[in-house]
């Protein structure tokens, strides 16, 4: 399975996402902020997928994805948001990198979307 870097500033959501993807057999690295995620990305030799919340206090998910792609051009990206007005924000840098998933996300949908994102 793949190594997935999950980023969310909500501890409960981060725990849920980590558990679901770990149970699916993925190696998971969890980060509670965009800056922490960049540090994890710099320290981890192999990360195939970034699964990031969009609204976070330090770096929004779109900008995080942009910075992550500079470091790892082949990195796959999935975005998560519980806000319905995020579609207007998709004009930000990074929106072209991956699919936007809506929170709350069910276990089966999350596993399916991660599997699709990781397809070659």
PDB file of N, CA and C in Angstrom:
ATOM      1  N   UNK A   1       0.829  -1.183   0.000  1.00  0.00           N
ATOM      2  CA  UNK A   1       0.000   0.000   0.000  1.00  0.00           C
ATOM      3  C   UNK A   1       0.877   1.252   0.000  1.00  0.00           C
ATOM      4  N   UNK A   2       0.242   2.396  -0.056  1.00  0.00           N
ATOM      5  CA  UNK A   2       0.944   3.674  -0.203  1.00  0.00           C
ATOM      6  C   UNK A   2       1.159   4.371   1.136  1.00  0.00           C
ATOM      7  N   UNK A   3       2.060   5.336   1.112  1.00  0.00           N
ATOM      8  CA  UNK A   3       2.246   6.223   2.255  1.00  0.00           C
ATOM      9  C   UNK A   3       1.431   7.479   1.998  1.00  0.00           C
ATOM     10  N   UNK A   4       0.570   7.823   2.954  1.00  0.00           N
ATOM     11  CA  UNK A   4      -0.337   8.950   2.832  1.00  0.00           C
ATOM     12  C   UNK A   4      -0.037   9.960   3.942  1.00  0.00           C
ATOM     13  N   UNK A   5       0.115  11.210   3.555  1.00  0.00           N
ATOM     14  CA  UNK A   5       0.271  12.303   4.510  1.00  0.00           C
ATOM     15  C   UNK A   5      -1.086  12.972   4.659  1.00  0.00           C
ATOM     16  N   UNK A   6      -1.645  12.904   5.865  1.00  0.00           N
ATOM     17  CA  UNK A   6      -2.968  13.470   6.146  1.00  0.00           C
ATOM     18  C   UNK A   6      -2.791  14.740   6.968  1.00  0.00           C
ATOM     19  N   UNK A   7      -3.482  15.819   6.558  1.00  0.00           N
ATOM     20  CA  UNK A   7      -3.355  17.100   7.245  1.00  0.00           C
ATOM     21  C   UNK A   7      -4.742  17.638   7.580  1.00  0.00           C
ATOM     22  N   UNK A   8      -4.973  17.864   8.870  1.00  0.00           N
ATOM     23  CA  UNK A   8      -6.230  18.475   9.306  1.00  0.00           C
ATOM     24  C   UNK A   8      -6.004  19.082  10.682  1.00  0.00           C
ATOM     25  N   UNK A   9      -6.484  20.291  10.895  1.00  0.00           N
ATOM     26  CA  UNK A   9      -6.283  20.962  12.175  1.00  0.00           C
ATOM     27  C   UNK A   9      -7.303  20.534  13.231  1.00  0.00           C
ATOM     28  N   UNK A  10      -8.294  19.750  12.851  1.00  0.00           N
ATOM     29  CA  UNK A  10      -9.265  19.204  13.798  1.00  0.00           C
ATOM     30  C   UNK A  10      -8.761  17.826  14.243  1.00  0.00           C
ATOM     31  N   UNK A  11      -8.407  17.698  15.519  1.00  0.00           N
ATOM     32  CA  UNK A  11      -7.812  16.461  16.032  1.00  0.00           C
ATOM     33  C   UNK A  11      -8.718  15.245  15.841  1.00  0.00           C
ATOM     34  N   UNK A  12     -10.030  15.411  16.008  1.00  0.00           N
ATOM     35  CA  UNK A  12     -10.952  14.285  15.848  1.00  0.00           C
ATOM     36  C   UNK A  12     -11.014  13.816  14.399  1.00  0.00           C
ATOM     37  N   UNK A  13     -11.056  14.760  13.484  1.00  0.00           N
ATOM     38  CA  UNK A  13     -11.083  14.417  12.057  1.00  0.00           C
ATOM     39  C   UNK A  13      -9.767  13.746  11.659  1.00  0.00           C
ATOM     40  N   UNK A  14      -8.665  14.301  12.118  1.00  0.00           N
ATOM     41  CA  UNK A  14      -7.346  13.741  11.814  1.00  0.00           C
ATOM     42  C   UNK A  14      -7.244  12.304  12.325  1.00  0.00           C
ATOM     43  N   UNK A  15      -7.737  12.076  13.519  1.00  0.00           N
ATOM     44  CA  UNK A  15      -7.715  10.727  14.098  1.00  0.00           C
ATOM     45  C   UNK A  15      -8.569   9.757  13.273  1.00  0.00           C
ATOM     46  N   UNK A  16      -9.760  10.196  12.889  1.00  0.00           N
ATOM     47  CA  UNK A  16     -10.655   9.362  12.070  1.00  0.00           C
ATOM     48  C   UNK A  16     -10.012   9.015  10.731  1.00  0.00           C
ATOM     49  N   UNK A  17      -9.498  10.013  10.028  1.00  0.00           N
ATOM     50  CA  UNK A  17      -8.883   9.778   8.719  1.00  0.00           C
ATOM     51  C   UNK A  17      -7.682   8.842   8.833  1.00  0.00           C
ATOM     52  N   UNK A  18      -6.876   9.056   9.869  1.00  0.00           N
ATOM     53  CA  UNK A  18      -5.699   8.217  10.098  1.00  0.00           C
ATOM     54  C   UNK A  18      -6.101   6.773  10.347  1.00  0.00           C
ATOM     55  N   UNK A  19      -7.114   6.585  11.187  1.00  0.00           N
ATOM     56  CA  UNK A  19      -7.575   5.232  11.495  1.00  0.00           C
ATOM     57  C   UNK A  19      -8.127   4.524  10.256  1.00  0.00           C
ATOM     58  N   UNK A  20      -8.948   5.211   9.495  1.00  0.00           N
ATOM     59  CA  UNK A  20      -9.554   4.600   8.306  1.00  0.00           C
ATOM     60  C   UNK A  20      -8.484   4.162   7.310  1.00  0.00           C
ATOM     61  N   UNK A  21      -7.536   5.038   7.035  1.00  0.00           N
ATOM     62  CA  UNK A  21      -6.528   4.695   6.019  1.00  0.00           C
ATOM     63  C   UNK A  21      -5.491   3.716   6.545  1.00  0.00           C
ATOM     64  N   UNK A  22      -5.188   3.765   7.838  1.00  0.00           N
ATOM     65  CA  UNK A  22      -4.292   2.758   8.432  1.00  0.00           C
ATOM     66  C   UNK A  22      -4.948   1.385   8.374  1.00  0.00           C
ATOM     67  N   UNK A  23      -6.227   1.330   8.722  1.00  0.00           N
ATOM     68  CA  UNK A  23      -6.962   0.062   8.674  1.00  0.00           C
ATOM     69  C   UNK A  23      -7.052  -0.489   7.248  1.00  0.00           C
ATOM     70  N   UNK A  24      -6.973   0.399   6.259  1.00  0.00           N
ATOM     71  CA  UNK A  24      -7.013  -0.029   4.854  1.00  0.00           C
ATOM     72  C   UNK A  24      -5.629  -0.494   4.377  1.00  0.00           C
ATOM     73  N   UNK A  25      -4.622  -0.411   5.259  1.00  0.00           N
ATOM     74  CA  UNK A  25      -3.300  -0.923   4.918  1.00  0.00           C
ATOM     75  C   UNK A  25      -2.282   0.112   4.495  1.00  0.00           C
ATOM     76  N   UNK A  26      -2.661   1.372   4.523  1.00  0.00           N
ATOM     77  CA  UNK A  26      -1.724   2.433   4.136  1.00  0.00           C
ATOM     78  C   UNK A  26      -0.819   2.802   5.311  1.00  0.00           C
ATOM     79  N   UNK A  27       0.393   3.227   4.980  1.00  0.00           N
ATOM     80  CA  UNK A  27       1.257   3.846   5.972  1.00  0.00           C
ATOM     81  C   UNK A  27       0.812   5.296   6.053  1.00  0.00           C
ATOM     82  N   UNK A  28       0.511   5.770   7.243  1.00  0.00           N
ATOM     83  CA  UNK A  28      -0.048   7.103   7.398  1.00  0.00           C
ATOM     84  C   UNK A  28       0.866   7.976   8.252  1.00  0.00           C
ATOM     85  N   UNK A  29       1.076   9.186   7.763  1.00  0.00           N
ATOM     86  CA  UNK A  29       1.760  10.229   8.512  1.00  0.00           C
ATOM     87  C   UNK A  29       0.718  11.317   8.746  1.00  0.00           C
ATOM     88  N   UNK A  30       0.543  11.724   9.992  1.00  0.00           N
ATOM     89  CA  UNK A  30      -0.471  12.718  10.335  1.00  0.00           C
ATOM     90  C   UNK A  30       0.176  14.040  10.718  1.00  0.00           C
ATOM     91  N   UNK A  31      -0.458  15.130  10.279  1.00  0.00           N
ATOM     92  CA  UNK A  31       0.015  16.469  10.621  1.00  0.00           C
ATOM     93  C   UNK A  31      -1.190  17.333  10.956  1.00  0.00           C
ATOM     94  N   UNK A  32      -1.027  18.207  11.950  1.00  0.00           N
ATOM     95  CA  UNK A  32      -2.143  19.038  12.384  1.00  0.00           C
ATOM     96  C   UNK A  32      -2.092  20.453  11.815  1.00  0.00           C
ATOM     97  N   UNK A  33      -1.118  20.717  10.946  1.00  0.00           N
ATOM     98  CA  UNK A  33      -1.023  22.036  10.308  1.00  0.00           C
ATOM     99  C   UNK A  33      -0.275  21.907   8.989  1.00  0.00           C
ATOM    100  N   UNK A  34      -0.426  22.926   8.157  1.00  0.00           N
ATOM    101  CA  UNK A  34       0.283  22.938   6.887  1.00  0.00           C
ATOM    102  C   UNK A  34       1.787  22.979   7.058  1.00  0.00           C
ATOM    103  N   UNK A  35       2.251  23.782   7.996  1.00  0.00           N
ATOM    104  CA  UNK A  35       3.698  23.868   8.230  1.00  0.00           C
ATOM    105  C   UNK A  35       4.257  22.550   8.737  1.00  0.00           C
ATOM    106  N   UNK A  36       3.526  21.889   9.629  1.00  0.00           N
ATOM    107  CA  UNK A  36       3.965  20.579  10.120  1.00  0.00           C
ATOM    108  C   UNK A  36       3.972  19.565   8.975  1.00  0.00           C
ATOM    109  N   UNK A  37       3.007  19.660   8.086  1.00  0.00           N
ATOM    110  CA  UNK A  37       2.950  18.751   6.943  1.00  0.00           C
ATOM    111  C   UNK A  37       4.171  18.915   6.040  1.00  0.00           C
ATOM    112  N   UNK A  38       4.583  20.140   5.819  1.00  0.00           N
ATOM    113  CA  UNK A  38       5.777  20.372   4.994  1.00  0.00           C
ATOM    114  C   UNK A  38       7.018  19.776   5.655  1.00  0.00           C
ATOM    115  N   UNK A  39       7.116  19.890   6.976  1.00  0.00           N
ATOM    116  CA  UNK A  39       8.229  19.276   7.691  1.00  0.00           C
ATOM    117  C   UNK A  39       8.189  17.760   7.539  1.00  0.00           C
ATOM    118  N   UNK A  40       7.015  17.178   7.675  1.00  0.00           N
ATOM    119  CA  UNK A  40       6.861  15.730   7.502  1.00  0.00           C
ATOM    120  C   UNK A  40       7.245  15.306   6.094  1.00  0.00           C
ATOM    121  N   UNK A  41       6.820  16.076   5.126  1.00  0.00           N
ATOM    122  CA  UNK A  41       7.130  15.768   3.736  1.00  0.00           C
ATOM    123  C   UNK A  41       8.637  15.819   3.490  1.00  0.00           C
ATOM    124  N   UNK A  42       9.305  16.789   4.096  1.00  0.00           N
ATOM    125  CA  UNK A  42      10.756  16.904   3.955  1.00  0.00           C
ATOM    126  C   UNK A  42      11.478  15.741   4.636  1.00  0.00           C
ATOM    127  N   UNK A  43      10.892  15.222   5.724  1.00  0.00           N
ATOM    128  CA  UNK A  43      11.531  14.147   6.491  1.00  0.00           C
ATOM    129  C   UNK A  43      11.209  12.752   5.974  1.00  0.00           C
ATOM    130  N   UNK A  44      10.091  12.594   5.304  1.00  0.00           N
ATOM    131  CA  UNK A  44       9.649  11.270   4.850  1.00  0.00           C
ATOM    132  C   UNK A  44      10.144  11.003   3.432  1.00  0.00           C
ATOM    133  N   UNK A  45      10.868   9.933   3.257  1.00  0.00           N
ATOM    134  CA  UNK A  45      11.426   9.664   1.930  1.00  0.00           C
ATOM    135  C   UNK A  45      10.390   9.277   0.877  1.00  0.00           C
ATOM    136  N   UNK A  46       9.261   8.722   1.325  1.00  0.00           N
ATOM    137  CA  UNK A  46       8.297   8.216   0.355  1.00  0.00           C
ATOM    138  C   UNK A  46       6.872   8.564   0.788  1.00  0.00           C
ATOM    139  N   UNK A  47       6.304   9.562   0.172  1.00  0.00           N
ATOM    140  CA  UNK A  47       4.893   9.906   0.388  1.00  0.00           C
ATOM    141  C   UNK A  47       4.269   9.980  -1.000  1.00  0.00           C
ATOM    142  N   UNK A  48       3.226   9.190  -1.223  1.00  0.00           N
ATOM    143  CA  UNK A  48       2.579   9.161  -2.538  1.00  0.00           C
ATOM    144  C   UNK A  48       1.364  10.066  -2.631  1.00  0.00           C
ATOM    145  N   UNK A  49       0.707  10.308  -1.488  1.00  0.00           N
ATOM    146  CA  UNK A  49      -0.548  11.056  -1.504  1.00  0.00           C
ATOM    147  C   UNK A  49      -0.604  12.040  -0.341  1.00  0.00           C
ATOM    148  N   UNK A  50      -1.036  13.255  -0.658  1.00  0.00           N
ATOM    149  CA  UNK A  50      -1.335  14.270   0.350  1.00  0.00           C
ATOM    150  C   UNK A  50      -2.847  14.419   0.413  1.00  0.00           C
ATOM    151  N   UNK A  51      -3.419  14.162   1.588  1.00  0.00           N
ATOM    152  CA  UNK A  51      -4.849  14.338   1.834  1.00  0.00           C
ATOM    153  C   UNK A  51      -4.965  15.495   2.814  1.00  0.00           C
ATOM    154  N   UNK A  52      -5.441  16.652   2.329  1.00  0.00           N
ATOM    155  CA  UNK A  52      -5.404  17.847   3.165  1.00  0.00           C
ATOM    156  C   UNK A  52      -6.737  18.562   3.282  1.00  0.00           C
ATOM    157  N   UNK A  53      -6.991  19.032   4.489  1.00  0.00           N
ATOM    158  CA  UNK A  53      -8.094  19.945   4.729  1.00  0.00           C
ATOM    159  C   UNK A  53      -7.784  21.236   3.969  1.00  0.00           C
ATOM    160  N   UNK A  54      -8.794  21.984   3.618  1.00  0.00           N
ATOM    161  CA  UNK A  54      -8.556  23.238   2.904  1.00  0.00           C
ATOM    162  C   UNK A  54      -8.393  24.403   3.859  1.00  0.00           C
ATOM    163  N   UNK A  55      -9.301  24.529   4.826  1.00  0.00           N
ATOM    164  CA  UNK A  55      -9.240  25.675   5.740  1.00  0.00           C
ATOM    165  C   UNK A  55      -8.472  25.306   7.001  1.00  0.00           C
ATOM    166  N   UNK A  56      -7.280  25.883   7.103  1.00  0.00           N
ATOM    167  CA  UNK A  56      -6.431  25.685   8.284  1.00  0.00           C
ATOM    168  C   UNK A  56      -5.821  27.032   8.633  1.00  0.00           C
ATOM    169  N   UNK A  57      -5.453  27.224   9.891  1.00  0.00           N
ATOM    170  CA  UNK A  57      -4.986  28.540  10.315  1.00  0.00           C
ATOM    171  C   UNK A  57      -3.665  29.014   9.717  1.00  0.00           C
ATOM    172  N   UNK A  58      -2.725  28.126   9.452  1.00  0.00           N
ATOM    173  CA  UNK A  58      -1.423  28.601   8.977  1.00  0.00           C
ATOM    174  C   UNK A  58      -1.313  28.625   7.457  1.00  0.00           C
ATOM    175  N   UNK A  59      -1.508  27.511   6.813  1.00  0.00           N
ATOM    176  CA  UNK A  59      -1.495  27.422   5.344  1.00  0.00           C
ATOM    177  C   UNK A  59      -2.809  26.792   4.911  1.00  0.00           C
ATOM    178  N   UNK A  60      -3.486  27.383   3.938  1.00  0.00           N
ATOM    179  CA  UNK A  60      -4.679  26.689   3.459  1.00  0.00           C
ATOM    180  C   UNK A  60      -4.245  25.505   2.601  1.00  0.00           C
ATOM    181  N   UNK A  61      -5.145  24.565   2.406  1.00  0.00           N
ATOM    182  CA  UNK A  61      -4.819  23.334   1.690  1.00  0.00           C
ATOM    183  C   UNK A  61      -4.368  23.538   0.264  1.00  0.00           C
ATOM    184  N   UNK A  62      -4.921  24.548  -0.405  1.00  0.00           N
ATOM    185  CA  UNK A  62      -4.512  24.816  -1.786  1.00  0.00           C
ATOM    186  C   UNK A  62      -3.053  25.251  -1.845  1.00  0.00           C
ATOM    187  N   UNK A  63      -2.671  26.143  -0.962  1.00  0.00           N
ATOM    188  CA  UNK A  63      -1.291  26.628  -0.958  1.00  0.00           C
ATOM    189  C   UNK A  63      -0.332  25.539  -0.467  1.00  0.00           C
ATOM    190  N   UNK A  64      -0.774  24.760   0.508  1.00  0.00           N
ATOM    191  CA  UNK A  64       0.021  23.619   0.959  1.00  0.00           C
ATOM    192  C   UNK A  64       0.293  22.671  -0.202  1.00  0.00           C
ATOM    193  N   UNK A  65      -0.726  22.372  -0.982  1.00  0.00           N
ATOM    194  CA  UNK A  65      -0.553  21.475  -2.140  1.00  0.00           C
ATOM    195  C   UNK A  65       0.444  22.062  -3.134  1.00  0.00           C
ATOM    196  N   UNK A  66       0.357  23.358  -3.357  1.00  0.00           N
ATOM    197  CA  UNK A  66       1.286  24.033  -4.265  1.00  0.00           C
ATOM    198  C   UNK A  66       2.729  23.857  -3.779  1.00  0.00           C
ATOM    199  N   UNK A  67       2.966  24.120  -2.492  1.00  0.00           N
ATOM    200  CA  UNK A  67       4.310  23.983  -1.933  1.00  0.00           C
ATOM    201  C   UNK A  67       4.772  22.527  -1.925  1.00  0.00           C
ATOM    202  N   UNK A  68       3.841  21.609  -1.662  1.00  0.00           N
ATOM    203  CA  UNK A  68       4.175  20.187  -1.658  1.00  0.00           C
ATOM    204  C   UNK A  68       4.559  19.702  -3.055  1.00  0.00           C
ATOM    205  N   UNK A  69       3.849  20.191  -4.072  1.00  0.00           N
ATOM    206  CA  UNK A  69       4.155  19.780  -5.455  1.00  0.00           C
ATOM    207  C   UNK A  69       5.513  20.316  -5.905  1.00  0.00           C
ATOM    208  N   UNK A  70       5.937  21.448  -5.377  1.00  0.00           N
ATOM    209  CA  UNK A  70       7.281  21.946  -5.692  1.00  0.00           C
ATOM    210  C   UNK A  70       8.315  20.960  -5.158  1.00  0.00           C
ATOM    211  N   UNK A  71       8.075  20.442  -3.960  1.00  0.00           N
ATOM    212  CA  UNK A  71       8.991  19.481  -3.342  1.00  0.00           C
ATOM    213  C   UNK A  71       8.921  18.114  -4.004  1.00  0.00           C
ATOM    214  N   UNK A  72       7.697  17.691  -4.347  1.00  0.00           N
ATOM    215  CA  UNK A  72       7.443  16.354  -4.894  1.00  0.00           C
ATOM    216  C   UNK A  72       6.486  16.455  -6.082  1.00  0.00           C
ATOM    217  N   UNK A  73       7.006  16.683  -7.271  1.00  0.00           N
ATOM    218  CA  UNK A  73       6.128  16.873  -8.434  1.00  0.00           C
ATOM    219  C   UNK A  73       5.176  15.709  -8.724  1.00  0.00           C
ATOM    220  N   UNK A  74       5.545  14.498  -8.344  1.00  0.00           N
ATOM    221  CA  UNK A  74       4.684  13.347  -8.641  1.00  0.00           C
ATOM    222  C   UNK A  74       3.656  13.076  -7.538  1.00  0.00           C
ATOM    223  N   UNK A  75       3.630  13.893  -6.500  1.00  0.00           N
ATOM    224  CA  UNK A  75       2.715  13.710  -5.376  1.00  0.00           C
ATOM    225  C   UNK A  75       1.265  13.835  -5.834  1.00  0.00           C
ATOM    226  N   UNK A  76       0.444  12.886  -5.415  1.00  0.00           N
ATOM    227  CA  UNK A  76      -0.996  12.947  -5.689  1.00  0.00           C
ATOM    228  C   UNK A  76      -1.642  13.756  -4.563  1.00  0.00           C
ATOM    229  N   UNK A  77      -2.744  14.456  -4.899  1.00  0.00           N
ATOM    230  CA  UNK A  77      -3.398  15.345  -3.939  1.00  0.00           C
ATOM    231  C   UNK A  77      -4.906  15.066  -3.880  1.00  0.00           C
ATOM    232  N   UNK A  78      -5.440  15.045  -2.672  1.00  0.00           N
ATOM    233  CA  UNK A  78      -6.884  15.075  -2.432  1.00  0.00           C
ATOM    234  C   UNK A  78      -7.146  16.156  -1.400  1.00  0.00           C
ATOM    235  N   UNK A  79      -8.218  16.922  -1.604  1.00  0.00           N
ATOM    236  CA  UNK A  79      -8.610  17.983  -0.685  1.00  0.00           C
ATOM    237  C   UNK A  79      -9.871  17.570   0.062  1.00  0.00           C
ATOM    238  N   UNK A  80     -10.005  18.048   1.298  1.00  0.00           N
ATOM    239  CA  UNK A  80     -11.205  17.830   2.103  1.00  0.00           C
ATOM    240  C   UNK A  80     -11.722  19.168   2.607  1.00  0.00           C
ATOM    241  N   UNK A  81     -13.039  19.332   2.601  1.00  0.00           N
ATOM    242  CA  UNK A  81     -13.609  20.547   3.165  1.00  0.00           C
ATOM    243  C   UNK A  81     -15.017  20.284   3.660  1.00  0.00           C
ATOM    244  N   UNK A  82     -15.313  20.872   4.803  1.00  0.00           N
ATOM    245  CA  UNK A  82     -16.665  20.825   5.335  1.00  0.00           C
ATOM    246  C   UNK A  82     -17.458  22.073   5.004  1.00  0.00           C
ATOM    247  N   UNK A  83     -16.817  22.993   4.292  1.00  0.00           N
ATOM    248  CA  UNK A  83     -17.467  24.260   3.937  1.00  0.00           C
ATOM    249  C   UNK A  83     -18.032  24.182   2.531  1.00  0.00           C
ATOM    250  N   UNK A  84     -19.263  24.637   2.386  1.00  0.00           N
ATOM    251  CA  UNK A  84     -19.908  24.582   1.079  1.00  0.00           C
ATOM    252  C   UNK A  84     -19.470  25.715   0.168  1.00  0.00           C
ATOM    253  N   UNK A  85     -18.899  26.782   0.721  1.00  0.00           N
ATOM    254  CA  UNK A  85     -18.485  27.919  -0.101  1.00  0.00           C
ATOM    255  C   UNK A  85     -17.065  27.765  -0.641  1.00  0.00           C
ATOM    256  N   UNK A  86     -16.463  26.597  -0.457  1.00  0.00           N
ATOM    257  CA  UNK A  86     -15.079  26.406  -0.887  1.00  0.00           C
ATOM    258  C   UNK A  86     -14.952  26.375  -2.414  1.00  0.00           C
ATOM    259  N   UNK A  87     -16.023  26.084  -3.118  1.00  0.00           N
ATOM    260  CA  UNK A  87     -15.955  26.041  -4.585  1.00  0.00           C
ATOM    261  C   UNK A  87     -15.437  27.358  -5.152  1.00  0.00           C
ATOM    262  N   UNK A  88     -15.858  28.484  -4.572  1.00  0.00           N
ATOM    263  CA  UNK A  88     -15.356  29.775  -5.017  1.00  0.00           C
ATOM    264  C   UNK A  88     -13.870  29.917  -4.760  1.00  0.00           C
ATOM    265  N   UNK A  89     -13.395  29.259  -3.718  1.00  0.00           N
ATOM    266  CA  UNK A  89     -11.985  29.302  -3.384  1.00  0.00           C
ATOM    267  C   UNK A  89     -11.118  28.426  -4.251  1.00  0.00           C
ATOM    268  N   UNK A  90     -11.714  27.654  -5.104  1.00  0.00           N
ATOM    269  CA  UNK A  90     -10.945  26.746  -5.954  1.00  0.00           C
ATOM    270  C   UNK A  90     -10.119  27.498  -6.988  1.00  0.00           C
ATOM    271  N   UNK A  91     -10.274  28.776  -7.069  1.00  0.00           N
ATOM    272  CA  UNK A  91      -9.452  29.562  -7.979  1.00  0.00           C
ATOM    273  C   UNK A  91      -8.047  29.770  -7.426  1.00  0.00           C
ATOM    274  N   UNK A  92      -7.852  29.428  -6.147  1.00  0.00           N
ATOM    275  CA  UNK A  92      -6.548  29.579  -5.527  1.00  0.00           C
ATOM    276  C   UNK A  92      -5.535  28.628  -6.162  1.00  0.00           C
ATOM    277  N   UNK A  93      -4.279  28.948  -6.000  1.00  0.00           N
ATOM    278  CA  UNK A  93      -3.204  28.086  -6.476  1.00  0.00           C
ATOM    279  C   UNK A  93      -3.371  26.700  -5.859  1.00  0.00           C
ATOM    280  N   UNK A  94      -3.192  25.679  -6.672  1.00  0.00           N
ATOM    281  CA  UNK A  94      -3.249  24.312  -6.186  1.00  0.00           C
ATOM    282  C   UNK A  94      -4.516  23.578  -6.533  1.00  0.00           C
ATOM    283  N   UNK A  95      -5.573  24.282  -6.912  1.00  0.00           N
ATOM    284  CA  UNK A  95      -6.834  23.602  -7.162  1.00  0.00           C
ATOM    285  C   UNK A  95      -6.760  22.585  -8.276  1.00  0.00           C
ATOM    286  N   UNK A  96      -5.838  22.757  -9.171  1.00  0.00           N
ATOM    287  CA  UNK A  96      -5.747  21.835 -10.299  1.00  0.00           C
ATOM    288  C   UNK A  96      -5.112  20.502  -9.926  1.00  0.00           C
ATOM    289  N   UNK A  97      -4.595  20.378  -8.707  1.00  0.00           N
ATOM    290  CA  UNK A  97      -3.828  19.196  -8.343  1.00  0.00           C
ATOM    291  C   UNK A  97      -4.658  17.993  -7.934  1.00  0.00           C
ATOM    292  N   UNK A  98      -5.888  18.159  -7.526  1.00  0.00           N
ATOM    293  CA  UNK A  98      -6.630  16.997  -7.068  1.00  0.00           C
ATOM    294  C   UNK A  98      -8.097  17.273  -6.860  1.00  0.00           C
ATOM    295  N   UNK A  99      -8.784  16.213  -6.510  1.00  0.00           N
ATOM    296  CA  UNK A  99     -10.230  16.250  -6.334  1.00  0.00           C
ATOM    297  C   UNK A  99     -10.588  16.792  -4.954  1.00  0.00           C
ATOM    298  N   UNK A 100     -11.697  17.513  -4.887  1.00  0.00           N
ATOM    299  CA  UNK A 100     -12.225  18.033  -3.635  1.00  0.00           C
ATOM    300  C   UNK A 100     -13.279  17.069  -3.096  1.00  0.00           C
ATOM    301  N   UNK A 101     -13.070  16.591  -1.873  1.00  0.00           N
ATOM    302  CA  UNK A 101     -14.013  15.719  -1.195  1.00  0.00           C
ATOM    303  C   UNK A 101     -14.697  16.511  -0.094  1.00  0.00           C
ATOM    304  N   UNK A 102     -15.959  16.223   0.133  1.00  0.00           N
ATOM    305  CA  UNK A 102     -16.747  16.956   1.138  1.00  0.00           C
ATOM    306  C   UNK A 102     -16.757  16.206   2.468  1.00  0.00           C
ATOM    307  N   UNK A 103     -16.598  16.971   3.549  1.00  0.00           N
ATOM    308  CA  UNK A 103     -16.769  16.419   4.896  1.00  0.00           C
ATOM    309  C   UNK A 103     -18.224  16.595   5.299  1.00  0.00           C
ATOM    310  N   UNK A 104     -18.778  15.713   6.068  1.00  0.00           N
ATOM    311  CA  UNK A 104     -18.158  14.495   6.561  1.00  0.00           C
ATOM    312  C   UNK A 104     -18.080  13.452   5.455  1.00  0.00           C
ATOM    313  N   UNK A 105     -17.027  12.646   5.483  1.00  0.00           N
ATOM    314  CA  UNK A 105     -16.839  11.626   4.465  1.00  0.00           C
ATOM    315  C   UNK A 105     -16.948  10.248   5.102  1.00  0.00           C
ATOM    316  N   UNK A 106     -17.668   9.384   4.463  1.00  0.00           N
ATOM    317  CA  UNK A 106     -17.874   8.038   4.984  1.00  0.00           C
ATOM    318  C   UNK A 106     -16.638   7.180   4.680  1.00  0.00           C
ATOM    319  N   UNK A 107     -16.453   6.161   5.470  1.00  0.00           N
ATOM    320  CA  UNK A 107     -15.283   5.290   5.364  1.00  0.00           C
ATOM    321  C   UNK A 107     -15.115   4.710   3.967  1.00  0.00           C
ATOM    322  N   UNK A 108     -16.162   4.130   3.413  1.00  0.00           N
ATOM    323  CA  UNK A 108     -16.070   3.487   2.097  1.00  0.00           C
ATOM    324  C   UNK A 108     -15.715   4.496   1.007  1.00  0.00           C
ATOM    325  N   UNK A 109     -16.310   5.691   1.075  1.00  0.00           N
ATOM    326  CA  UNK A 109     -16.018   6.721   0.077  1.00  0.00           C
ATOM    327  C   UNK A 109     -14.567   7.177   0.184  1.00  0.00           C
ATOM    328  N   UNK A 110     -14.091   7.376   1.402  1.00  0.00           N
ATOM    329  CA  UNK A 110     -12.702   7.793   1.600  1.00  0.00           C
ATOM    330  C   UNK A 110     -11.739   6.762   1.031  1.00  0.00           C
ATOM    331  N   UNK A 111     -11.950   5.513   1.364  1.00  0.00           N
ATOM    332  CA  UNK A 111     -11.069   4.445   0.854  1.00  0.00           C
ATOM    333  C   UNK A 111     -11.107   4.386  -0.669  1.00  0.00           C
ATOM    334  N   UNK A 112     -12.294   4.525  -1.234  1.00  0.00           N
ATOM    335  CA  UNK A 112     -12.442   4.480  -2.689  1.00  0.00           C
ATOM    336  C   UNK A 112     -11.735   5.649  -3.368  1.00  0.00           C
ATOM    337  N   UNK A 113     -11.913   6.844  -2.843  1.00  0.00           N
ATOM    338  CA  UNK A 113     -11.290   8.025  -3.440  1.00  0.00           C
ATOM    339  C   UNK A 113      -9.762   7.990  -3.318  1.00  0.00           C
ATOM    340  N   UNK A 114      -9.261   7.481  -2.212  1.00  0.00           N
ATOM    341  CA  UNK A 114      -7.809   7.330  -2.051  1.00  0.00           C
ATOM    342  C   UNK A 114      -7.278   6.325  -3.055  1.00  0.00           C
ATOM    343  N   UNK A 115      -7.977   5.212  -3.224  1.00  0.00           N
ATOM    344  CA  UNK A 115      -7.548   4.190  -4.190  1.00  0.00           C
ATOM    345  C   UNK A 115      -7.517   4.766  -5.609  1.00  0.00           C
ATOM    346  N   UNK A 116      -8.550   5.529  -5.971  1.00  0.00           N
ATOM    347  CA  UNK A 116      -8.596   6.154  -7.305  1.00  0.00           C
ATOM    348  C   UNK A 116      -7.450   7.151  -7.488  1.00  0.00           C
ATOM    349  N   UNK A 117      -7.207   7.945  -6.465  1.00  0.00           N
ATOM    350  CA  UNK A 117      -6.148   8.964  -6.555  1.00  0.00           C
ATOM    351  C   UNK A 117      -4.775   8.329  -6.720  1.00  0.00           C
ATOM    352  N   UNK A 118      -4.598   7.138  -6.179  1.00  0.00           N
ATOM    353  CA  UNK A 118      -3.297   6.474  -6.234  1.00  0.00           C
ATOM    354  C   UNK A 118      -3.084   5.658  -7.507  1.00  0.00           C
ATOM    355  N   UNK A 119      -4.141   5.521  -8.319  1.00  0.00           N
ATOM    356  CA  UNK A 119      -3.990   4.771  -9.571  1.00  0.00           C
ATOM    357  C   UNK A 119      -2.955   5.468 -10.460  1.00  0.00           C
ATOM    358  N   UNK A 120      -2.164   4.663 -11.164  1.00  0.00           N
ATOM    359  CA  UNK A 120      -1.137   5.266 -12.052  1.00  0.00           C
ATOM    360  C   UNK A 120      -1.720   6.037 -13.216  1.00  0.00           C
TER     361      UNK A 120
END
